[in-house]
Protein backbone atom coordinates (compact mmCIF):
# COMPACT_ATOMS: atom_id res chain seq x y z
CA MET A 1 -8.75 -23.75 -41.40
CA VAL A 2 -8.73 -22.20 -37.94
CA THR A 3 -5.60 -22.47 -35.84
CA LYS A 4 -6.31 -23.20 -32.22
CA THR A 5 -4.15 -21.30 -29.77
CA THR A 6 -3.92 -21.11 -26.04
CA ARG A 7 -3.41 -18.02 -23.96
CA PHE A 8 0.22 -17.50 -22.92
CA ASP A 9 0.80 -16.72 -19.26
CA ALA A 10 4.41 -16.29 -18.16
CA ALA A 11 3.36 -17.11 -14.59
CA ASP A 12 2.85 -20.70 -15.75
CA TYR A 13 6.60 -20.94 -16.39
CA LEU A 14 7.63 -19.52 -13.04
CA ASP A 15 6.85 -22.83 -11.40
CA THR A 16 9.97 -23.21 -9.27
CA GLU A 17 11.52 -21.01 -6.61
CA LYS A 18 14.76 -20.91 -8.60
CA ARG A 19 12.97 -19.53 -11.69
CA GLN A 20 11.04 -17.00 -9.63
CA ILE A 21 14.16 -15.71 -7.91
CA ALA A 22 16.05 -15.50 -11.21
CA TYR A 23 13.21 -13.55 -12.83
CA ILE A 24 12.91 -11.04 -9.99
CA ALA A 25 16.71 -10.68 -9.83
CA ALA A 26 16.82 -9.93 -13.58
CA ALA A 27 14.10 -7.32 -13.13
CA LEU A 28 15.95 -5.66 -10.25
CA GLU A 29 19.23 -5.68 -12.16
CA SER A 30 17.55 -3.99 -15.12
CA GLY A 31 16.81 -0.91 -13.04
CA ASP A 32 13.42 -0.65 -14.74
CA ALA A 33 10.72 0.00 -12.12
CA ASP A 34 7.95 -1.21 -14.44
CA PHE A 35 9.80 -4.48 -15.06
CA VAL A 36 10.25 -4.96 -11.30
CA ARG A 37 6.54 -4.31 -10.69
CA ASP A 38 5.57 -6.73 -13.47
CA ALA A 39 7.99 -9.40 -12.24
CA LEU A 40 6.60 -9.20 -8.72
CA GLY A 41 3.10 -9.47 -10.19
CA LEU A 42 3.93 -12.56 -12.24
CA VAL A 43 5.62 -14.30 -9.33
CA ALA A 44 2.72 -13.38 -7.02
CA ARG A 45 0.30 -14.88 -9.57
CA ALA A 46 2.45 -18.01 -9.76
CA HIS A 47 2.15 -18.32 -5.96
CA GLY A 48 -1.53 -17.37 -5.87
CA MET A 49 -2.59 -13.75 -5.50
CA ALA A 50 -5.04 -14.35 -2.67
CA GLY A 51 -2.41 -16.02 -0.48
CA ILE A 52 0.24 -13.40 -1.20
CA ALA A 53 -2.24 -10.60 -0.53
CA LYS A 54 -3.14 -12.13 2.83
CA LYS A 55 0.52 -12.59 3.83
CA ALA A 56 1.28 -9.00 2.76
CA GLY A 57 -1.66 -7.61 4.72
CA LEU A 58 -3.45 -6.38 1.60
CA ASN A 59 -6.75 -7.26 0.03
CA ARG A 60 -6.55 -9.08 -3.30
CA GLU A 61 -7.92 -6.14 -5.28
CA SER A 62 -5.30 -3.79 -3.82
CA LEU A 63 -2.55 -6.23 -4.73
CA TYR A 64 -3.83 -6.52 -8.31
CA LYS A 65 -4.04 -2.73 -8.55
CA ALA A 66 -0.54 -2.16 -7.12
CA LEU A 67 1.04 -4.73 -9.45
CA GLY A 68 -1.13 -3.99 -12.49
CA GLU A 69 0.03 -2.34 -15.70
CA THR A 70 -0.63 1.16 -14.37
CA GLY A 71 0.24 0.39 -10.75
CA ASN A 72 2.84 2.39 -8.89
CA PRO A 73 3.16 0.70 -5.49
CA GLU A 74 4.81 2.50 -2.62
CA PHE A 75 8.12 1.07 -1.49
CA GLY A 76 6.57 -0.16 1.75
CA THR A 77 4.03 -2.14 -0.29
CA VAL A 78 6.80 -3.61 -2.43
CA MET A 79 8.66 -4.71 0.69
CA ARG A 80 5.53 -6.36 2.11
CA ILE A 81 5.02 -8.23 -1.18
CA VAL A 82 8.67 -9.31 -1.29
CA GLN A 83 8.41 -10.62 2.27
CA ALA A 84 5.13 -12.39 1.48
CA LEU A 85 6.94 -14.13 -1.38
CA GLY A 86 9.53 -15.34 1.13
CA LEU A 87 12.27 -13.16 -0.34
CA THR A 88 14.55 -10.36 0.82
CA LEU A 89 16.22 -7.57 -1.09
CA SER A 90 19.94 -6.97 -0.84
CA ALA A 91 22.48 -4.62 -2.37
CA ARG A 92 25.75 -5.28 -4.13
CA PRO A 93 28.05 -3.22 -6.33
CA ALA A 94 26.82 -2.67 -9.87
CA ALA A 95 28.39 -4.96 -12.46
CA SER A 96 29.53 -2.00 -14.57
CA GLY A 97 32.25 -1.18 -12.07
CA ARG A 98 31.21 2.46 -12.08
CA THR A 99 31.42 4.21 -8.78
CA PRO A 100 29.07 7.03 -7.90
CA LYS A 101 30.39 10.56 -7.88
CA PRO A 102 31.30 11.73 -4.38
CA ARG A 103 28.90 14.29 -2.96
CA ARG A 104 30.16 17.72 -2.14
CA VAL A 105 29.94 18.60 1.48
CA ALA A 106 29.01 22.21 2.12
């Protein structure tokens, strides 16, 4: 007996703006650059890569390459993708309550 399966695609579950924002926020909070890249890629796929590429001023192939498994997009590219998704990035204190060490001034 053969079990029939379907291909799982997380982008299928990022079908609302609220879910997309929560997923990208979780990726950013993790501090893991690969997770952030992958999250942006999944949300871009949920929106439609061709449309996001056009809004970001990239061709579709470049967007796939930048957000692919081995991609390492420049920060400027990340910002263009974030804007194309209709999002902004913001900063807030880390939840750990740790404060950075003060820098020594020479």
